[in-house]
């Protein structure tokens, strides 16, 4: 039972960490919105300060989501780089293998190394 609870907590922590930037940006937005409602509900302050605070709120949201989008783009780039490296390693290992390697998927040959091609008289 403890193991299951620990796994659930770890999964939740990973998901929360994934959305930290959005949570932080949303919190800042709500905080400034509340401050603005408190300060400007009576319209006792100037209109310029009100405009500046609204622009600051919008800027906070734009920056938050921009940072999050950049984070996602960087993450996808790292994943694609790792995939390319992995494919290159496989290709090098397969081509240097002393055995024939054949990869078939859905009744279609997707890959055959040089040794397999020679043994099948394809080359």
PDB file of N, CA and C in Angstrom:
ATOM      1  N   UNK A   1       0.828  -1.201   0.000  1.00  0.00           N
ATOM      2  CA  UNK A   1       0.000   0.000   0.000  1.00  0.00           C
ATOM      3  C   UNK A   1       0.866   1.256   0.000  1.00  0.00           C
ATOM      4  N   UNK A   2       1.926   1.243   0.830  1.00  0.00           N
ATOM      5  CA  UNK A   2       2.822   2.396   0.898  1.00  0.00           C
ATOM      6  C   UNK A   2       3.503   2.639  -0.449  1.00  0.00           C
ATOM      7  N   UNK A   3       3.857   1.555  -1.115  1.00  0.00           N
ATOM      8  CA  UNK A   3       4.522   1.665  -2.409  1.00  0.00           C
ATOM      9  C   UNK A   3       3.609   2.346  -3.429  1.00  0.00           C
ATOM     10  N   UNK A   4       2.352   1.989  -3.428  1.00  0.00           N
ATOM     11  CA  UNK A   4       1.382   2.587  -4.357  1.00  0.00           C
ATOM     12  C   UNK A   4       1.220   4.070  -4.063  1.00  0.00           C
ATOM     13  N   UNK A   5       1.127   4.417  -2.782  1.00  0.00           N
ATOM     14  CA  UNK A   5       0.984   5.821  -2.394  1.00  0.00           C
ATOM     15  C   UNK A   5       2.214   6.615  -2.820  1.00  0.00           C
ATOM     16  N   UNK A   6       3.413   6.050  -2.626  1.00  0.00           N
ATOM     17  CA  UNK A   6       4.637   6.727  -3.036  1.00  0.00           C
ATOM     18  C   UNK A   6       4.673   6.943  -4.544  1.00  0.00           C
ATOM     19  N   UNK A   7       4.247   5.931  -5.298  1.00  0.00           N
ATOM     20  CA  UNK A   7       4.226   6.063  -6.758  1.00  0.00           C
ATOM     21  C   UNK A   7       3.246   7.151  -7.199  1.00  0.00           C
ATOM     22  N   UNK A   8       2.094   7.221  -6.551  1.00  0.00           N
ATOM     23  CA  UNK A   8       1.102   8.250  -6.883  1.00  0.00           C
ATOM     24  C   UNK A   8       1.656   9.633  -6.572  1.00  0.00           C
ATOM     25  N   UNK A   9       2.300   9.772  -5.412  1.00  0.00           N
ATOM     26  CA  UNK A   9       2.876  11.061  -5.022  1.00  0.00           C
ATOM     27  C   UNK A   9       3.982  11.468  -5.998  1.00  0.00           C
ATOM     28  N   UNK A  10       4.835  10.520  -6.393  1.00  0.00           N
ATOM     29  CA  UNK A  10       5.896  10.826  -7.351  1.00  0.00           C
ATOM     30  C   UNK A  10       5.323  11.254  -8.689  1.00  0.00           C
ATOM     31  N   UNK A  11       4.284  10.572  -9.149  1.00  0.00           N
ATOM     32  CA  UNK A  11       3.641  10.928 -10.412  1.00  0.00           C
ATOM     33  C   UNK A  11       3.043  12.325 -10.331  1.00  0.00           C
ATOM     34  N   UNK A  12       2.371  12.625  -9.231  1.00  0.00           N
ATOM     35  CA  UNK A  12       1.793  13.960  -9.066  1.00  0.00           C
ATOM     36  C   UNK A  12       2.875  15.032  -9.019  1.00  0.00           C
ATOM     37  N   UNK A  13       3.971  14.749  -8.329  1.00  0.00           N
ATOM     38  CA  UNK A  13       5.073  15.712  -8.268  1.00  0.00           C
ATOM     39  C   UNK A  13       5.653  15.984  -9.647  1.00  0.00           C
ATOM     40  N   UNK A  14       5.799  14.938 -10.462  1.00  0.00           N
ATOM     41  CA  UNK A  14       6.315  15.125 -11.823  1.00  0.00           C
ATOM     42  C   UNK A  14       5.367  15.991 -12.640  1.00  0.00           C
ATOM     43  N   UNK A  15       4.071  15.730 -12.504  1.00  0.00           N
ATOM     44  CA  UNK A  15       3.104  16.516 -13.268  1.00  0.00           C
ATOM     45  C   UNK A  15       3.062  17.958 -12.787  1.00  0.00           C
ATOM     46  N   UNK A  16       3.180  18.147 -11.473  1.00  0.00           N
ATOM     47  CA  UNK A  16       3.173  19.512 -10.936  1.00  0.00           C
ATOM     48  C   UNK A  16       4.426  20.243 -11.399  1.00  0.00           C
ATOM     49  N   UNK A  17       5.588  19.592 -11.366  1.00  0.00           N
ATOM     50  CA  UNK A  17       6.819  20.219 -11.833  1.00  0.00           C
ATOM     51  C   UNK A  17       6.718  20.603 -13.300  1.00  0.00           C
ATOM     52  N   UNK A  18       6.012  19.795 -14.051  1.00  0.00           N
ATOM     53  CA  UNK A  18       5.852  20.045 -15.483  1.00  0.00           C
ATOM     54  C   UNK A  18       5.118  21.364 -15.719  1.00  0.00           C
ATOM     55  N   UNK A  19       4.201  21.704 -14.839  1.00  0.00           N
ATOM     56  CA  UNK A  19       3.382  22.897 -15.033  1.00  0.00           C
ATOM     57  C   UNK A  19       3.729  24.015 -14.052  1.00  0.00           C
ATOM     58  N   UNK A  20       4.922  23.965 -13.456  1.00  0.00           N
ATOM     59  CA  UNK A  20       5.348  24.990 -12.492  1.00  0.00           C
ATOM     60  C   UNK A  20       5.268  26.393 -13.067  1.00  0.00           C
ATOM     61  N   UNK A  21       5.717  26.573 -14.296  1.00  0.00           N
ATOM     62  CA  UNK A  21       5.759  27.906 -14.898  1.00  0.00           C
ATOM     63  C   UNK A  21       4.351  28.462 -15.056  1.00  0.00           C
ATOM     64  N   UNK A  22       3.441  27.618 -15.518  1.00  0.00           N
ATOM     65  CA  UNK A  22       2.054  28.081 -15.702  1.00  0.00           C
ATOM     66  C   UNK A  22       1.415  28.384 -14.359  1.00  0.00           C
ATOM     67  N   UNK A  23       1.662  27.541 -13.370  1.00  0.00           N
ATOM     68  CA  UNK A  23       1.088  27.772 -12.042  1.00  0.00           C
ATOM     69  C   UNK A  23       1.619  29.071 -11.461  1.00  0.00           C
ATOM     70  N   UNK A  24       2.929  29.289 -11.583  1.00  0.00           N
ATOM     71  CA  UNK A  24       3.531  30.515 -11.065  1.00  0.00           C
ATOM     72  C   UNK A  24       2.977  31.745 -11.790  1.00  0.00           C
ATOM     73  N   UNK A  25       2.899  31.689 -13.110  1.00  0.00           N
ATOM     74  CA  UNK A  25       2.361  32.817 -13.873  1.00  0.00           C
ATOM     75  C   UNK A  25       0.907  33.106 -13.527  1.00  0.00           C
ATOM     76  N   UNK A  26       0.123  32.049 -13.380  1.00  0.00           N
ATOM     77  CA  UNK A  26      -1.284  32.228 -13.023  1.00  0.00           C
ATOM     78  C   UNK A  26      -1.412  32.831 -11.623  1.00  0.00           C
ATOM     79  N   UNK A  27      -0.557  32.388 -10.709  1.00  0.00           N
ATOM     80  CA  UNK A  27      -0.578  32.935  -9.355  1.00  0.00           C
ATOM     81  C   UNK A  27      -0.234  34.422  -9.360  1.00  0.00           C
ATOM     82  N   UNK A  28       0.802  34.799 -10.112  1.00  0.00           N
ATOM     83  CA  UNK A  28       1.190  36.210 -10.199  1.00  0.00           C
ATOM     84  C   UNK A  28       0.053  37.023 -10.804  1.00  0.00           C
ATOM     85  N   UNK A  29      -0.574  36.478 -11.850  1.00  0.00           N
ATOM     86  CA  UNK A  29      -1.686  37.169 -12.496  1.00  0.00           C
ATOM     87  C   UNK A  29      -2.839  37.389 -11.514  1.00  0.00           C
ATOM     88  N   UNK A  30      -3.210  36.348 -10.790  1.00  0.00           N
ATOM     89  CA  UNK A  30      -4.322  36.459  -9.832  1.00  0.00           C
ATOM     90  C   UNK A  30      -3.961  37.425  -8.706  1.00  0.00           C
ATOM     91  N   UNK A  31      -2.712  37.364  -8.234  1.00  0.00           N
ATOM     92  CA  UNK A  31      -2.275  38.273  -7.182  1.00  0.00           C
ATOM     93  C   UNK A  31      -2.398  39.736  -7.632  1.00  0.00           C
ATOM     94  N   UNK A  32      -1.903  40.043  -8.807  1.00  0.00           N
ATOM     95  CA  UNK A  32      -1.994  41.415  -9.290  1.00  0.00           C
ATOM     96  C   UNK A  32      -3.428  41.822  -9.599  1.00  0.00           C
ATOM     97  N   UNK A  33      -4.237  40.867 -10.053  1.00  0.00           N
ATOM     98  CA  UNK A  33      -5.645  41.164 -10.304  1.00  0.00           C
ATOM     99  C   UNK A  33      -6.352  41.533  -9.001  1.00  0.00           C
ATOM    100  N   UNK A  34      -6.075  40.789  -7.938  1.00  0.00           N
ATOM    101  CA  UNK A  34      -6.676  41.090  -6.632  1.00  0.00           C
ATOM    102  C   UNK A  34      -6.206  42.451  -6.135  1.00  0.00           C
ATOM    103  N   UNK A  35      -4.900  42.710  -6.260  1.00  0.00           N
ATOM    104  CA  UNK A  35      -4.374  44.016  -5.839  1.00  0.00           C
ATOM    105  C   UNK A  35      -5.040  45.133  -6.630  1.00  0.00           C
ATOM    106  N   UNK A  36      -5.189  44.914  -7.919  1.00  0.00           N
ATOM    107  CA  UNK A  36      -5.822  45.945  -8.749  1.00  0.00           C
ATOM    108  C   UNK A  36      -7.276  46.165  -8.340  1.00  0.00           C
ATOM    109  N   UNK A  37      -7.984  45.090  -8.081  1.00  0.00           N
ATOM    110  CA  UNK A  37      -9.377  45.237  -7.666  1.00  0.00           C
ATOM    111  C   UNK A  37      -9.482  45.986  -6.342  1.00  0.00           C
ATOM    112  N   UNK A  38      -8.561  45.709  -5.428  1.00  0.00           N
ATOM    113  CA  UNK A  38      -8.580  46.407  -4.138  1.00  0.00           C
ATOM    114  C   UNK A  38      -8.242  47.886  -4.314  1.00  0.00           C
ATOM    115  N   UNK A  39      -7.197  48.169  -5.088  1.00  0.00           N
ATOM    116  CA  UNK A  39      -6.732  49.550  -5.230  1.00  0.00           C
ATOM    117  C   UNK A  39      -7.648  50.409  -6.107  1.00  0.00           C
ATOM    118  N   UNK A  40      -8.172  49.816  -7.148  1.00  0.00           N
ATOM    119  CA  UNK A  40      -8.877  50.627  -8.138  1.00  0.00           C
ATOM    120  C   UNK A  40     -10.394  50.462  -8.112  1.00  0.00           C
ATOM    121  N   UNK A  41     -10.908  49.763  -7.128  1.00  0.00           N
ATOM    122  CA  UNK A  41     -12.362  49.592  -7.078  1.00  0.00           C
ATOM    123  C   UNK A  41     -13.072  50.901  -6.753  1.00  0.00           C
ATOM    124  N   UNK A  42     -12.411  51.796  -6.052  1.00  0.00           N
ATOM    125  CA  UNK A  42     -13.028  53.067  -5.673  1.00  0.00           C
ATOM    126  C   UNK A  42     -12.695  54.188  -6.657  1.00  0.00           C
ATOM    127  N   UNK A  43     -11.845  53.906  -7.650  1.00  0.00           N
ATOM    128  CA  UNK A  43     -11.441  54.891  -8.671  1.00  0.00           C
ATOM    129  C   UNK A  43     -10.844  56.148  -8.052  1.00  0.00           C
ATOM    130  N   UNK A  44     -10.202  55.992  -6.912  1.00  0.00           N
ATOM    131  CA  UNK A  44      -9.601  57.152  -6.263  1.00  0.00           C
ATOM    132  C   UNK A  44      -8.213  57.462  -6.824  1.00  0.00           C
ATOM    133  N   UNK A  45      -7.603  56.479  -7.490  1.00  0.00           N
ATOM    134  CA  UNK A  45      -6.280  56.698  -8.075  1.00  0.00           C
ATOM    135  C   UNK A  45      -6.418  57.095  -9.535  1.00  0.00           C
ATOM    136  N   UNK A  46      -5.330  57.546 -10.096  1.00  0.00           N
ATOM    137  CA  UNK A  46      -5.385  58.053 -11.469  1.00  0.00           C
ATOM    138  C   UNK A  46      -5.568  56.925 -12.479  1.00  0.00           C
ATOM    139  N   UNK A  47      -6.025  57.312 -13.628  1.00  0.00           N
ATOM    140  CA  UNK A  47      -6.286  56.378 -14.719  1.00  0.00           C
ATOM    141  C   UNK A  47      -4.977  55.824 -15.282  1.00  0.00           C
ATOM    142  N   UNK A  48      -3.914  56.592 -15.245  1.00  0.00           N
ATOM    143  CA  UNK A  48      -2.614  56.159 -15.764  1.00  0.00           C
ATOM    144  C   UNK A  48      -2.071  54.965 -14.987  1.00  0.00           C
ATOM    145  N   UNK A  49      -2.179  54.999 -13.672  1.00  0.00           N
ATOM    146  CA  UNK A  49      -1.687  53.889 -12.848  1.00  0.00           C
ATOM    147  C   UNK A  49      -2.480  52.627 -13.164  1.00  0.00           C
ATOM    148  N   UNK A  50      -3.758  52.775 -13.375  1.00  0.00           N
ATOM    149  CA  UNK A  50      -4.616  51.652 -13.741  1.00  0.00           C
ATOM    150  C   UNK A  50      -4.160  51.033 -15.064  1.00  0.00           C
ATOM    151  N   UNK A  51      -3.882  51.854 -16.045  1.00  0.00           N
ATOM    152  CA  UNK A  51      -3.414  51.358 -17.343  1.00  0.00           C
ATOM    153  C   UNK A  51      -2.075  50.654 -17.211  1.00  0.00           C
ATOM    154  N   UNK A  52      -1.180  51.223 -16.439  1.00  0.00           N
ATOM    155  CA  UNK A  52       0.142  50.625 -16.255  1.00  0.00           C
ATOM    156  C   UNK A  52       0.021  49.252 -15.595  1.00  0.00           C
ATOM    157  N   UNK A  53      -0.821  49.140 -14.598  1.00  0.00           N
ATOM    158  CA  UNK A  53      -0.971  47.846 -13.922  1.00  0.00           C
ATOM    159  C   UNK A  53      -1.587  46.809 -14.846  1.00  0.00           C
ATOM    160  N   UNK A  54      -2.550  47.200 -15.668  1.00  0.00           N
ATOM    161  CA  UNK A  54      -3.131  46.260 -16.624  1.00  0.00           C
ATOM    162  C   UNK A  54      -2.093  45.793 -17.634  1.00  0.00           C
ATOM    163  N   UNK A  55      -1.292  46.719 -18.111  1.00  0.00           N
ATOM    164  CA  UNK A  55      -0.238  46.344 -19.059  1.00  0.00           C
ATOM    165  C   UNK A  55       0.774  45.412 -18.402  1.00  0.00           C
ATOM    166  N   UNK A  56       1.068  45.657 -17.143  1.00  0.00           N
ATOM    167  CA  UNK A  56       1.979  44.780 -16.421  1.00  0.00           C
ATOM    168  C   UNK A  56       1.394  43.375 -16.291  1.00  0.00           C
ATOM    169  N   UNK A  57       0.109  43.274 -16.020  1.00  0.00           N
ATOM    170  CA  UNK A  57      -0.551  41.970 -15.932  1.00  0.00           C
ATOM    171  C   UNK A  57      -0.467  41.219 -17.251  1.00  0.00           C
ATOM    172  N   UNK A  58      -0.758  41.915 -18.322  1.00  0.00           N
ATOM    173  CA  UNK A  58      -0.696  41.285 -19.642  1.00  0.00           C
ATOM    174  C   UNK A  58       0.734  40.847 -19.941  1.00  0.00           C
ATOM    175  N   UNK A  59       1.698  41.688 -19.606  1.00  0.00           N
ATOM    176  CA  UNK A  59       3.095  41.354 -19.825  1.00  0.00           C
ATOM    177  C   UNK A  59       3.491  40.105 -19.031  1.00  0.00           C
ATOM    178  N   UNK A  60       3.034  40.010 -17.790  1.00  0.00           N
ATOM    179  CA  UNK A  60       3.321  38.823 -16.972  1.00  0.00           C
ATOM    180  C   UNK A  60       2.770  37.557 -17.620  1.00  0.00           C
ATOM    181  N   UNK A  61       1.557  37.629 -18.104  1.00  0.00           N
ATOM    182  CA  UNK A  61       0.961  36.461 -18.763  1.00  0.00           C
ATOM    183  C   UNK A  61       1.722  36.086 -20.032  1.00  0.00           C
ATOM    184  N   UNK A  62       2.028  37.076 -20.846  1.00  0.00           N
ATOM    185  CA  UNK A  62       2.746  36.801 -22.096  1.00  0.00           C
ATOM    186  C   UNK A  62       4.111  36.194 -21.800  1.00  0.00           C
ATOM    187  N   UNK A  63       4.831  36.743 -20.849  1.00  0.00           N
ATOM    188  CA  UNK A  63       6.146  36.203 -20.496  1.00  0.00           C
ATOM    189  C   UNK A  63       6.047  34.783 -19.953  1.00  0.00           C
ATOM    190  N   UNK A  64       5.063  34.555 -19.106  1.00  0.00           N
ATOM    191  CA  UNK A  64       4.892  33.222 -18.525  1.00  0.00           C
ATOM    192  C   UNK A  64       4.653  32.183 -19.603  1.00  0.00           C
ATOM    193  N   UNK A  65       3.716  32.453 -20.484  1.00  0.00           N
ATOM    194  CA  UNK A  65       3.410  31.472 -21.512  1.00  0.00           C
ATOM    195  C   UNK A  65       4.516  31.381 -22.562  1.00  0.00           C
ATOM    196  N   UNK A  66       5.224  32.462 -22.801  1.00  0.00           N
ATOM    197  CA  UNK A  66       6.366  32.409 -23.722  1.00  0.00           C
ATOM    198  C   UNK A  66       7.470  31.516 -23.167  1.00  0.00           C
ATOM    199  N   UNK A  67       7.745  31.667 -21.886  1.00  0.00           N
ATOM    200  CA  UNK A  67       8.761  30.821 -21.252  1.00  0.00           C
ATOM    201  C   UNK A  67       8.336  29.354 -21.303  1.00  0.00           C
ATOM    202  N   UNK A  68       7.069  29.102 -21.045  1.00  0.00           N
ATOM    203  CA  UNK A  68       6.577  27.718 -21.083  1.00  0.00           C
ATOM    204  C   UNK A  68       6.688  27.140 -22.490  1.00  0.00           C
ATOM    205  N   UNK A  69       6.321  27.909 -23.491  1.00  0.00           N
ATOM    206  CA  UNK A  69       6.403  27.434 -24.873  1.00  0.00           C
ATOM    207  C   UNK A  69       7.866  27.172 -25.247  1.00  0.00           C
ATOM    208  N   UNK A  70       8.756  28.045 -24.848  1.00  0.00           N
ATOM    209  CA  UNK A  70      10.181  27.833 -25.107  1.00  0.00           C
ATOM    210  C   UNK A  70      10.682  26.578 -24.406  1.00  0.00           C
ATOM    211  N   UNK A  71      10.213  26.333 -23.202  1.00  0.00           N
ATOM    212  CA  UNK A  71      10.568  25.123 -22.466  1.00  0.00           C
ATOM    213  C   UNK A  71      10.135  23.880 -23.239  1.00  0.00           C
ATOM    214  N   UNK A  72       8.919  23.899 -23.756  1.00  0.00           N
ATOM    215  CA  UNK A  72       8.402  22.757 -24.527  1.00  0.00           C
ATOM    216  C   UNK A  72       9.213  22.565 -25.801  1.00  0.00           C
ATOM    217  N   UNK A  73       9.512  23.661 -26.490  1.00  0.00           N
ATOM    218  CA  UNK A  73      10.298  23.561 -27.729  1.00  0.00           C
ATOM    219  C   UNK A  73      11.677  22.972 -27.438  1.00  0.00           C
ATOM    220  N   UNK A  74      12.331  23.459 -26.388  1.00  0.00           N
ATOM    221  CA  UNK A  74      13.653  22.935 -26.028  1.00  0.00           C
ATOM    222  C   UNK A  74      13.591  21.455 -25.667  1.00  0.00           C
ATOM    223  N   UNK A  75      12.553  21.078 -24.957  1.00  0.00           N
ATOM    224  CA  UNK A  75      12.395  19.674 -24.562  1.00  0.00           C
ATOM    225  C   UNK A  75      12.230  18.788 -25.793  1.00  0.00           C
ATOM    226  N   UNK A  76      11.390  19.214 -26.735  1.00  0.00           N
ATOM    227  CA  UNK A  76      11.196  18.427 -27.960  1.00  0.00           C
ATOM    228  C   UNK A  76      12.476  18.348 -28.776  1.00  0.00           C
ATOM    229  N   UNK A  77      13.224  19.445 -28.811  1.00  0.00           N
ATOM    230  CA  UNK A  77      14.487  19.442 -29.541  1.00  0.00           C
ATOM    231  C   UNK A  77      15.462  18.445 -28.930  1.00  0.00           C
ATOM    232  N   UNK A  78      15.578  18.438 -27.593  1.00  0.00           N
ATOM    233  CA  UNK A  78      16.466  17.487 -26.921  1.00  0.00           C
ATOM    234  C   UNK A  78      16.035  16.047 -27.206  1.00  0.00           C
ATOM    235  N   UNK A  79      14.735  15.802 -27.195  1.00  0.00           N
ATOM    236  CA  UNK A  79      14.239  14.453 -27.466  1.00  0.00           C
ATOM    237  C   UNK A  79      14.562  14.040 -28.890  1.00  0.00           C
ATOM    238  N   UNK A  80      14.374  14.940 -29.848  1.00  0.00           N
ATOM    239  CA  UNK A  80      14.670  14.596 -31.243  1.00  0.00           C
ATOM    240  C   UNK A  80      16.168  14.361 -31.438  1.00  0.00           C
ATOM    241  N   UNK A  81      17.007  15.131 -30.738  1.00  0.00           N
ATOM    242  CA  UNK A  81      18.456  14.916 -30.822  1.00  0.00           C
ATOM    243  C   UNK A  81      18.823  13.539 -30.269  1.00  0.00           C
ATOM    244  N   UNK A  82      18.232  13.164 -29.147  1.00  0.00           N
ATOM    245  CA  UNK A  82      18.508  11.851 -28.563  1.00  0.00           C
ATOM    246  C   UNK A  82      18.054  10.734 -29.488  1.00  0.00           C
ATOM    247  N   UNK A  83      16.912  10.929 -30.146  1.00  0.00           N
ATOM    248  CA  UNK A  83      16.410   9.925 -31.088  1.00  0.00           C
ATOM    249  C   UNK A  83      17.363   9.769 -32.266  1.00  0.00           C
ATOM    250  N   UNK A  84      17.848  10.880 -32.806  1.00  0.00           N
ATOM    251  CA  UNK A  84      18.805  10.815 -33.920  1.00  0.00           C
ATOM    252  C   UNK A  84      20.082  10.104 -33.504  1.00  0.00           C
ATOM    253  N   UNK A  85      20.575  10.423 -32.309  1.00  0.00           N
ATOM    254  CA  UNK A  85      21.785   9.762 -31.809  1.00  0.00           C
ATOM    255  C   UNK A  85      21.562   8.263 -31.646  1.00  0.00           C
ATOM    256  N   UNK A  86      20.400   7.899 -31.133  1.00  0.00           N
ATOM    257  CA  UNK A  86      20.069   6.495 -30.929  1.00  0.00           C
ATOM    258  C   UNK A  86      19.980   5.765 -32.271  1.00  0.00           C
ATOM    259  N   UNK A  87      19.354   6.381 -33.262  1.00  0.00           N
ATOM    260  CA  UNK A  87      19.256   5.771 -34.588  1.00  0.00           C
ATOM    261  C   UNK A  87      20.643   5.581 -35.206  1.00  0.00           C
ATOM    262  N   UNK A  88      21.493   6.583 -35.024  1.00  0.00           N
ATOM    263  CA  UNK A  88      22.857   6.494 -35.564  1.00  0.00           C
ATOM    264  C   UNK A  88      23.641   5.378 -34.881  1.00  0.00           C
ATOM    265  N   UNK A  89      23.509   5.255 -33.560  1.00  0.00           N
ATOM    266  CA  UNK A  89      24.189   4.179 -32.843  1.00  0.00           C
ATOM    267  C   UNK A  89      23.705   2.820 -33.331  1.00  0.00           C
ATOM    268  N   UNK A  90      22.386   2.683 -33.491  1.00  0.00           N
ATOM    269  CA  UNK A  90      21.837   1.407 -33.970  1.00  0.00           C
ATOM    270  C   UNK A  90      22.381   1.092 -35.348  1.00  0.00           C
ATOM    271  N   UNK A  91      22.366   2.077 -36.232  1.00  0.00           N
ATOM    272  CA  UNK A  91      22.829   1.861 -37.599  1.00  0.00           C
ATOM    273  C   UNK A  91      24.299   1.436 -37.610  1.00  0.00           C
ATOM    274  N   UNK A  92      25.123   2.086 -36.788  1.00  0.00           N
ATOM    275  CA  UNK A  92      26.541   1.718 -36.723  1.00  0.00           C
ATOM    276  C   UNK A  92      26.732   0.294 -36.203  1.00  0.00           C
ATOM    277  N   UNK A  93      26.007  -0.047 -35.163  1.00  0.00           N
ATOM    278  CA  UNK A  93      26.110  -1.395 -34.601  1.00  0.00           C
ATOM    279  C   UNK A  93      25.612  -2.434 -35.606  1.00  0.00           C
ATOM    280  N   UNK A  94      24.492  -2.142 -36.253  1.00  0.00           N
ATOM    281  CA  UNK A  94      23.915  -3.099 -37.197  1.00  0.00           C
ATOM    282  C   UNK A  94      24.824  -3.302 -38.410  1.00  0.00           C
ATOM    283  N   UNK A  95      25.420  -2.237 -38.908  1.00  0.00           N
ATOM    284  CA  UNK A  95      26.281  -2.362 -40.084  1.00  0.00           C
ATOM    285  C   UNK A  95      27.590  -3.088 -39.760  1.00  0.00           C
ATOM    286  N   UNK A  96      28.069  -2.999 -38.534  1.00  0.00           N
ATOM    287  CA  UNK A  96      29.318  -3.654 -38.146  1.00  0.00           C
ATOM    288  C   UNK A  96      29.092  -5.075 -37.617  1.00  0.00           C
ATOM    289  N   UNK A  97      27.838  -5.478 -37.548  1.00  0.00           N
ATOM    290  CA  UNK A  97      27.511  -6.790 -36.996  1.00  0.00           C
ATOM    291  C   UNK A  97      28.003  -7.907 -37.918  1.00  0.00           C
ATOM    292  N   UNK A  98      28.414  -9.018 -37.293  1.00  0.00           N
ATOM    293  CA  UNK A  98      28.836 -10.190 -38.061  1.00  0.00           C
ATOM    294  C   UNK A  98      27.636 -11.015 -38.512  1.00  0.00           C
ATOM    295  N   UNK A  99      26.472 -10.689 -37.970  1.00  0.00           N
ATOM    296  CA  UNK A  99      25.256 -11.433 -38.285  1.00  0.00           C
ATOM    297  C   UNK A  99      24.337 -10.583 -39.147  1.00  0.00           C
ATOM    298  N   UNK A 100      23.475 -11.246 -39.875  1.00  0.00           N
ATOM    299  CA  UNK A 100      22.486 -10.533 -40.671  1.00  0.00           C
ATOM    300  C   UNK A 100      21.356 -10.037 -39.782  1.00  0.00           C
ATOM    301  N   UNK A 101      20.970  -8.803 -39.979  1.00  0.00           N
ATOM    302  CA  UNK A 101      19.882  -8.214 -39.196  1.00  0.00           C
ATOM    303  C   UNK A 101      18.797  -7.753 -40.158  1.00  0.00           C
ATOM    304  N   UNK A 102      17.579  -8.173 -39.866  1.00  0.00           N
ATOM    305  CA  UNK A 102      16.438  -7.814 -40.705  1.00  0.00           C
ATOM    306  C   UNK A 102      15.328  -7.314 -39.796  1.00  0.00           C
ATOM    307  N   UNK A 103      14.757  -6.167 -40.138  1.00  0.00           N
ATOM    308  CA  UNK A 103      13.630  -5.632 -39.375  1.00  0.00           C
ATOM    309  C   UNK A 103      12.428  -5.603 -40.300  1.00  0.00           C
ATOM    310  N   UNK A 104      11.403  -6.329 -39.885  1.00  0.00           N
ATOM    311  CA  UNK A 104      10.175  -6.415 -40.672  1.00  0.00           C
ATOM    312  C   UNK A 104       9.028  -5.852 -39.848  1.00  0.00           C
ATOM    313  N   UNK A 105       8.212  -5.019 -40.479  1.00  0.00           N
ATOM    314  CA  UNK A 105       7.077  -4.422 -39.784  1.00  0.00           C
ATOM    315  C   UNK A 105       5.894  -4.413 -40.738  1.00  0.00           C
ATOM    316  N   UNK A 106       4.789  -4.989 -40.309  1.00  0.00           N
ATOM    317  CA  UNK A 106       3.574  -5.069 -41.120  1.00  0.00           C
ATOM    318  C   UNK A 106       3.851  -5.728 -42.470  1.00  0.00           C
ATOM    319  N   UNK A 107       4.589  -6.829 -42.428  1.00  0.00           N
ATOM    320  CA  UNK A 107       4.949  -7.601 -43.620  1.00  0.00           C
ATOM    321  C   UNK A 107       5.755  -6.810 -44.641  1.00  0.00           C
ATOM    322  N   UNK A 108       6.428  -5.786 -44.194  1.00  0.00           N
ATOM    323  CA  UNK A 108       7.289  -4.987 -45.060  1.00  0.00           C
ATOM    324  C   UNK A 108       8.670  -4.933 -44.414  1.00  0.00           C
ATOM    325  N   UNK A 109       9.704  -5.174 -45.214  1.00  0.00           N
ATOM    326  CA  UNK A 109      11.059  -5.098 -44.698  1.00  0.00           C
ATOM    327  C   UNK A 109      11.428  -3.631 -44.556  1.00  0.00           C
ATOM    328  N   UNK A 110      11.684  -3.232 -43.323  1.00  0.00           N
ATOM    329  CA  UNK A 110      12.028  -1.838 -43.035  1.00  0.00           C
ATOM    330  C   UNK A 110      13.535  -1.617 -43.058  1.00  0.00           C
ATOM    331  N   UNK A 111      14.292  -2.645 -42.669  1.00  0.00           N
ATOM    332  CA  UNK A 111      15.735  -2.487 -42.610  1.00  0.00           C
ATOM    333  C   UNK A 111      16.392  -3.849 -42.742  1.00  0.00           C
ATOM    334  N   UNK A 112      17.479  -3.891 -43.497  1.00  0.00           N
ATOM    335  CA  UNK A 112      18.323  -5.078 -43.567  1.00  0.00           C
ATOM    336  C   UNK A 112      19.763  -4.589 -43.674  1.00  0.00           C
ATOM    337  N   UNK A 113      20.632  -5.149 -42.819  1.00  0.00           N
ATOM    338  CA  UNK A 113      22.027  -4.721 -42.908  1.00  0.00           C
ATOM    339  C   UNK A 113      22.709  -5.422 -44.082  1.00  0.00           C
ATOM    340  N   UNK A 114      23.957  -5.077 -44.323  1.00  0.00           N
ATOM    341  CA  UNK A 114      24.686  -5.569 -45.493  1.00  0.00           C
ATOM    342  C   UNK A 114      24.812  -7.088 -45.474  1.00  0.00           C
ATOM    343  N   UNK A 115      25.088  -7.660 -44.312  1.00  0.00           N
ATOM    344  CA  UNK A 115      25.229  -9.128 -44.205  1.00  0.00           C
ATOM    345  C   UNK A 115      23.932  -9.848 -44.579  1.00  0.00           C
ATOM    346  N   UNK A 116      22.796  -9.286 -44.142  1.00  0.00           N
ATOM    347  CA  UNK A 116      21.511  -9.910 -44.473  1.00  0.00           C
ATOM    348  C   UNK A 116      21.242  -9.774 -45.963  1.00  0.00           C
ATOM    349  N   UNK A 117      21.561  -8.640 -46.522  1.00  0.00           N
ATOM    350  CA  UNK A 117      21.348  -8.437 -47.962  1.00  0.00           C
ATOM    351  C   UNK A 117      22.191  -9.416 -48.773  1.00  0.00           C
ATOM    352  N   UNK A 118      23.420  -9.658 -48.331  1.00  0.00           N
ATOM    353  CA  UNK A 118      24.286 -10.618 -49.034  1.00  0.00           C
ATOM    354  C   UNK A 118      23.737 -12.028 -48.900  1.00  0.00           C
ATOM    355  N   UNK A 119      23.295 -12.404 -47.697  1.00  0.00           N
ATOM    356  CA  UNK A 119      22.779 -13.749 -47.483  1.00  0.00           C
ATOM    357  C   UNK A 119      21.468 -13.999 -48.221  1.00  0.00           C
ATOM    358  N   UNK A 120      20.707 -12.946 -48.499  1.00  0.00           N
ATOM    359  CA  UNK A 120      19.448 -13.089 -49.230  1.00  0.00           C
ATOM    360  C   UNK A 120      19.647 -12.883 -50.746  1.00  0.00           C
ATOM    361  N   UNK A 121      20.878 -12.664 -51.142  1.00  0.00           N
ATOM    362  CA  UNK A 121      21.225 -12.399 -52.556  1.00  0.00           C
ATOM    363  C   UNK A 121      20.504 -11.203 -53.123  1.00  0.00           C
ATOM    364  N   UNK A 122      20.363 -10.172 -52.306  1.00  0.00           N
ATOM    365  CA  UNK A 122      19.738  -8.931 -52.774  1.00  0.00           C
ATOM    366  C   UNK A 122      20.787  -8.045 -53.433  1.00  0.00           C
ATOM    367  N   UNK A 123      22.018  -8.116 -52.915  1.00  0.00           N
ATOM    368  CA  UNK A 123      23.087  -7.251 -53.453  1.00  0.00           C
ATOM    369  C   UNK A 123      23.866  -7.983 -54.499  1.00  0.00           C
TER     370      UNK A 123
END
